Every structure is written in C-alpha cells, then in structure tokens.
Amino acid sequence: MKKVSLAIAFSLVMVAGFAQKISRINISQTGTIQGIYLLLDDNVTVNLSVDGNISAYGVEVYSDRINSMSRLDPYPGRVENYSQNDNEAFRGKLKYIGRNVITYYGTYDNEAYRGKVKTIGNQTFEYYSNFDDPSVKGKLKNIGPTPFSWYTSFDNEAFKGKVRSIGNTSFAYYASYEDKAYQGKIRTIGNANWTYYASFEKREYAGMVKSGSQFQTINGIKFFVQN
C-alpha cells in the first residue's frame, strides 16, 4: 500500500513539474517573439504571448517531415472557461484544459499584470511592472523557474524591447550601426549563428539569410526563426 501511495505521489510531482515545460518558441528574424508553446500533461499545448495572453491551445500534432512546423488540433477532453460572473479581467478566459487549471491576475492586481496568466497548474507566471523600464513593462519575467530578460531603452536602438535571454539561452542582434540590410536581425541564439546578405551584395538577396537554420533545438527548446 505504501508503495502504491509513493507511486501516486511521484506521478503527481512529475505532472506538476511537467506543466511548465517550454517546448517551442516562434520568433521573427527581427527578434519579435510570436508564440511561446508550453507543453502540459496529456499532450496539451498552450500558445502564450510575451504579455501573458493565451492565443491558442490544443493537442500538438507533428508532421512526418523533418524540421517542419506542427499544428494544434482541438483538445477532446475537458475545456472550461471562466463565467461572466467572474472578475472582469479574466471572465470568459480559459479556466481548465484537461487537468490543468489556469488562473489570471485580476482587476485588484498591479495594472501591468491585469488579465494575464498567473498560474498554470502549480507554476507561477510573473511580469515586469510599472516600476520597470517602459520597454519591458508587462512582459514576461519568468515562467516557473525559467527567467526572461529583455533589452531595455538604454540598449542599442536595434535591440531595445527584444528578448535578451530565456533561462540559460542568450539572444544577440545586429546593431543599428551595422549594414542596413540586416541591422536588428538575430545574430545568435545560444550557440546558433545567423548571417545575412548585405545591401552591397546582390540586391535581390539583401537581408536574406546567408547561413543559419530556421529550425534549432537549443537547451531543450525548439526555435523556429520565421522570415
């Protein structure tokens, strides 16, 4: 009986820990994060924006093609939204998907947080506040134990407001004083590098990727760098 209880407890811990796994990030060449995909239990995936809003959810289905994009199919299990009687900051928003309960910051919270995801399972989401640099106000500060940092208004014009690091993965960009064809575009994500055709090369190629793959797996997260 004790062994069964321990097995159940271990399973619950594993489910709770699994609920905050960042599986994929879609990011443009110019450093705009277009989607943060969180893999929950039951193969459920939630697509979250950098300002804490859920834009899509479902069961992630992968193509047989190598390095191809996945899609989200409708989740066949329990899906429940907050009612019109709940706080106006999150009424109508997703409350349950499968066993995963989702909470949000309410109208009584800091103005920079209101309506944003607060928890998924036992993982807490935090954001930069009104007291932080205006370029990062309201953006993700951490998902569970994974911190997010951003370039601020004190940084180079081509960097400001863009993601600087996610966990142990750092991001660098071409500066505003570099060739106009690729200034502001991603230079590195972790140890992955990108180069681009310059404005003085073939005009039809200017700004296009010269080296660097659209698909990278870095520190356990899949990155899709979109044109």
Protein backbone atom coordinates (compact mmCIF):
# COMPACT_ATOMS: atom_id res chain seq x y z
CA MET A 1 0.00 0.00 0.00
CA LYS A 2 2.86 2.33 0.90
CA LYS A 3 4.50 1.61 -2.48
CA VAL A 4 1.24 2.49 -4.28
CA SER A 5 0.94 5.76 -2.33
CA LEU A 6 4.53 6.68 -3.13
CA ALA A 7 3.97 5.90 -6.81
CA ILE A 8 0.88 8.14 -6.90
CA ALA A 9 2.71 10.95 -5.11
CA PHE A 10 5.66 10.65 -7.52
CA SER A 11 3.29 10.76 -10.51
CA LEU A 12 1.64 13.94 -9.19
CA VAL A 13 5.01 15.59 -8.71
CA MET A 14 6.06 14.63 -12.25
CA VAL A 15 2.81 16.03 -13.70
CA ALA A 16 3.23 19.28 -11.76
CA GLY A 17 6.83 19.68 -12.88
CA PHE A 18 5.99 18.85 -16.48
CA ALA A 19 3.29 21.51 -16.64
CA GLN A 20 5.70 24.39 -17.16
CA LYS A 21 7.89 22.95 -19.92
CA ILE A 22 8.57 25.40 -22.75
CA SER A 23 8.61 23.20 -25.83
CA ARG A 24 8.86 25.69 -28.71
CA ILE A 25 9.32 29.38 -29.41
CA ASN A 26 8.43 31.06 -32.70
CA ILE A 27 10.47 34.21 -33.28
CA SER A 28 10.88 36.50 -36.26
CA GLN A 29 14.27 37.31 -37.79
CA THR A 30 13.98 40.75 -36.21
CA GLY A 31 13.53 39.30 -32.72
CA THR A 32 9.78 39.53 -32.17
CA ILE A 33 8.54 36.51 -30.22
CA GLN A 34 5.37 35.35 -31.98
CA GLY A 35 4.50 32.43 -29.74
CA ILE A 36 5.71 30.56 -26.66
CA TYR A 37 4.45 26.97 -26.67
CA LEU A 38 4.04 25.32 -23.27
CA LEU A 39 3.71 21.55 -23.19
CA LEU A 40 1.38 20.37 -20.43
CA ASP A 41 0.33 16.87 -19.42
CA ASP A 42 -1.98 14.82 -21.67
CA ASN A 43 0.00 16.19 -24.65
CA VAL A 44 -1.80 19.52 -24.31
CA THR A 45 0.00 22.57 -25.70
CA VAL A 46 -0.80 26.20 -24.86
CA ASN A 47 0.46 29.05 -27.05
CA LEU A 48 1.28 32.09 -24.92
CA SER A 49 2.26 35.61 -25.97
CA VAL A 50 5.09 37.57 -24.29
CA ASP A 51 2.50 39.69 -22.48
CA GLY A 52 0.80 36.70 -20.87
CA ASN A 53 -2.21 36.02 -23.09
CA ILE A 54 -3.22 32.61 -24.40
CA SER A 55 -3.73 32.79 -28.15
CA ALA A 56 -4.31 29.08 -28.89
CA TYR A 57 -4.38 25.67 -27.25
CA GLY A 58 -4.86 22.05 -28.26
CA VAL A 59 -3.04 18.81 -28.97
CA GLU A 60 0.20 19.34 -30.85
CA VAL A 61 0.50 17.18 -33.96
CA TYR A 62 3.85 16.85 -35.70
CA SER A 63 4.37 16.32 -39.39
CA ASP A 64 6.43 13.41 -40.69
CA ARG A 65 8.65 15.89 -42.50
CA ILE A 66 11.92 16.70 -40.77
CA ASN A 67 12.05 20.21 -39.27
CA SER A 68 8.50 21.02 -40.32
CA MET A 69 6.01 23.02 -38.26
CA SER A 70 3.48 21.32 -36.01
CA ARG A 71 -0.18 22.20 -35.68
CA LEU A 72 -2.65 22.28 -32.80
CA ASP A 73 -5.67 20.04 -33.12
CA PRO A 74 -8.75 20.60 -30.90
CA TYR A 75 -8.38 19.03 -27.45
CA PRO A 76 -11.10 16.35 -27.00
CA GLY A 77 -11.11 16.45 -23.18
CA ARG A 78 -12.35 18.89 -20.58
CA VAL A 79 -12.29 22.57 -21.61
CA GLU A 80 -13.93 25.18 -19.38
CA ASN A 81 -13.90 28.98 -19.36
CA TYR A 82 -14.46 31.50 -16.57
CA SER A 83 -18.06 32.69 -16.39
CA GLN A 84 -19.49 36.17 -16.83
CA ASN A 85 -19.82 36.32 -13.04
CA ASP A 86 -16.05 36.15 -12.53
CA ASN A 87 -13.67 39.08 -12.28
CA GLU A 88 -13.85 41.24 -15.41
CA ALA A 89 -10.10 40.92 -16.00
CA PHE A 90 -10.43 37.21 -16.83
CA ARG A 91 -14.12 36.43 -17.40
CA GLY A 92 -14.58 34.26 -20.48
CA LYS A 93 -10.94 33.19 -20.49
CA LEU A 94 -9.73 29.59 -20.39
CA LYS A 95 -10.03 28.08 -16.90
CA TYR A 96 -9.48 24.36 -17.39
CA ILE A 97 -7.95 22.32 -20.14
CA GLY A 98 -7.84 18.69 -19.10
CA ARG A 99 -6.46 18.53 -15.54
CA ASN A 100 -4.72 21.87 -15.91
CA VAL A 101 -6.30 24.80 -14.07
CA ILE A 102 -5.36 28.30 -15.25
CA THR A 103 -5.65 31.45 -13.14
CA TYR A 104 -5.15 35.11 -14.08
CA TYR A 105 -4.28 38.39 -12.42
CA GLY A 106 -7.45 40.33 -11.59
CA THR A 107 -8.54 43.97 -11.57
CA TYR A 108 -7.25 44.21 -7.99
CA ASP A 109 -3.67 43.42 -9.09
CA ASN A 110 -0.97 45.71 -10.48
CA GLU A 111 -2.20 47.43 -13.65
CA ALA A 112 0.66 45.90 -15.66
CA TYR A 113 -0.48 42.36 -14.76
CA ARG A 114 -4.28 42.50 -15.11
CA GLY A 115 -5.81 39.79 -17.27
CA LYS A 116 -2.50 38.00 -17.77
CA VAL A 117 -1.92 34.32 -16.94
CA LYS A 118 -0.97 33.95 -13.27
CA THR A 119 -0.66 30.19 -12.90
CA ILE A 120 -0.91 27.05 -14.98
CA GLY A 121 -1.02 24.10 -12.62
CA ASN A 122 1.40 24.92 -9.82
CA GLN A 123 3.67 27.09 -11.98
CA THR A 124 3.56 30.86 -11.43
CA PHE A 125 3.94 33.47 -14.17
CA GLU A 126 5.42 36.85 -13.29
CA TYR A 127 5.76 40.04 -15.34
CA TYR A 128 7.71 43.27 -15.34
CA SER A 129 5.75 46.04 -13.62
CA ASN A 130 5.10 49.77 -13.97
CA PHE A 131 8.28 50.38 -12.00
CA ASP A 132 10.47 48.70 -14.62
CA ASP A 133 11.79 50.18 -17.85
CA PRO A 134 8.88 51.16 -20.17
CA SER A 135 10.23 48.89 -22.94
CA VAL A 136 9.70 45.78 -20.77
CA LYS A 137 6.55 46.78 -18.83
CA GLY A 138 4.00 43.94 -18.84
CA LYS A 139 6.32 41.41 -20.50
CA LEU A 140 7.11 38.00 -19.05
CA LYS A 141 9.62 37.97 -16.21
CA ASN A 142 9.51 34.27 -15.53
CA ILE A 143 7.57 31.10 -16.23
CA GLY A 144 8.03 28.96 -13.14
CA PRO A 145 11.81 28.72 -12.61
CA THR A 146 12.65 29.99 -16.11
CA PRO A 147 13.58 33.71 -16.16
CA PHE A 148 13.07 36.04 -19.14
CA SER A 149 15.17 39.18 -19.63
CA TRP A 150 14.83 41.89 -22.28
CA TYR A 151 16.94 44.62 -23.80
CA THR A 152 15.82 47.97 -22.41
CA SER A 153 15.59 51.54 -23.68
CA PHE A 154 19.21 52.03 -22.57
CA ASP A 155 20.44 49.50 -25.14
CA ASN A 156 21.18 49.95 -28.83
CA GLU A 157 18.18 51.15 -30.85
CA ALA A 158 18.14 47.88 -32.81
CA PHE A 159 17.89 45.79 -29.61
CA LYS A 160 15.52 47.65 -27.28
CA GLY A 161 12.46 45.72 -26.18
CA LYS A 162 13.71 42.45 -27.69
CA VAL A 163 14.33 39.27 -25.72
CA ARG A 164 17.82 39.09 -24.20
CA SER A 165 17.70 35.69 -22.55
CA ILE A 166 15.36 32.85 -21.72
CA GLY A 167 16.77 30.68 -18.97
CA ASN A 168 20.35 29.89 -19.98
CA THR A 169 19.80 30.81 -23.64
CA SER A 170 21.03 34.26 -24.68
CA PHE A 171 19.99 36.28 -27.76
CA ALA A 172 22.12 38.78 -29.71
CA TYR A 173 21.20 41.00 -32.68
CA TYR A 174 22.97 43.04 -35.32
CA ALA A 175 23.28 46.64 -34.12
CA SER A 176 21.85 49.79 -35.70
CA TYR A 177 25.31 50.85 -36.91
CA GLU A 178 25.72 47.68 -39.00
CA ASP A 179 24.58 47.14 -42.58
CA LYS A 180 21.01 48.38 -43.06
CA ALA A 181 20.01 45.10 -44.75
CA TYR A 182 20.33 43.15 -41.51
CA GLN A 183 20.52 45.61 -38.61
CA GLY A 184 18.20 44.49 -35.81
CA LYS A 185 18.08 40.90 -37.04
CA ILE A 186 19.06 37.89 -34.95
CA ARG A 187 22.81 37.28 -34.78
CA THR A 188 22.85 34.42 -32.28
CA ILE A 189 20.53 32.31 -30.15
CA GLY A 190 22.71 30.40 -27.71
CA ASN A 191 25.47 28.88 -29.82
CA ALA A 192 23.50 29.07 -33.10
CA ASN A 193 24.52 31.82 -35.54
CA TRP A 194 22.83 33.65 -38.44
CA THR A 195 24.37 35.73 -41.21
CA TYR A 196 22.56 37.70 -43.94
CA TYR A 197 23.31 39.10 -47.36
CA ALA A 198 24.42 42.72 -47.15
CA SER A 199 22.96 45.66 -49.06
CA PHE A 200 26.04 45.84 -51.32
CA GLU A 201 25.61 42.23 -52.45
CA LYS A 202 23.03 41.11 -54.99
CA ARG A 203 20.10 43.46 -54.50
CA GLU A 204 17.52 40.68 -54.68
CA TYR A 205 19.28 38.85 -51.84
CA ALA A 206 19.84 41.82 -49.49
CA GLY A 207 18.70 40.94 -45.95
CA MET A 208 18.04 37.30 -46.78
CA VAL A 209 19.60 34.54 -44.67
CA LYS A 210 23.04 33.52 -45.86
CA SER A 211 23.70 30.96 -43.14
CA GLY A 212 21.70 29.65 -40.20
CA SER A 213 18.79 27.24 -39.98
CA GLN A 214 15.17 28.24 -39.39
CA PHE A 215 14.86 25.30 -37.01
CA GLN A 216 17.12 24.96 -33.99
CA THR A 217 16.93 23.00 -30.75
CA ILE A 218 18.82 24.89 -28.05
CA ASN A 219 18.89 23.93 -24.37
CA GLY A 220 15.90 21.65 -24.89
CA ILE A 221 13.69 24.27 -26.59
CA LYS A 222 12.79 24.17 -30.29
CA PHE A 223 13.18 27.53 -32.02
CA PHE A 224 11.52 28.41 -35.31
CA VAL A 225 13.04 31.59 -36.78
CA GLN A 226 10.46 32.96 -39.19
CA ASN A 227 11.26 35.16 -42.19
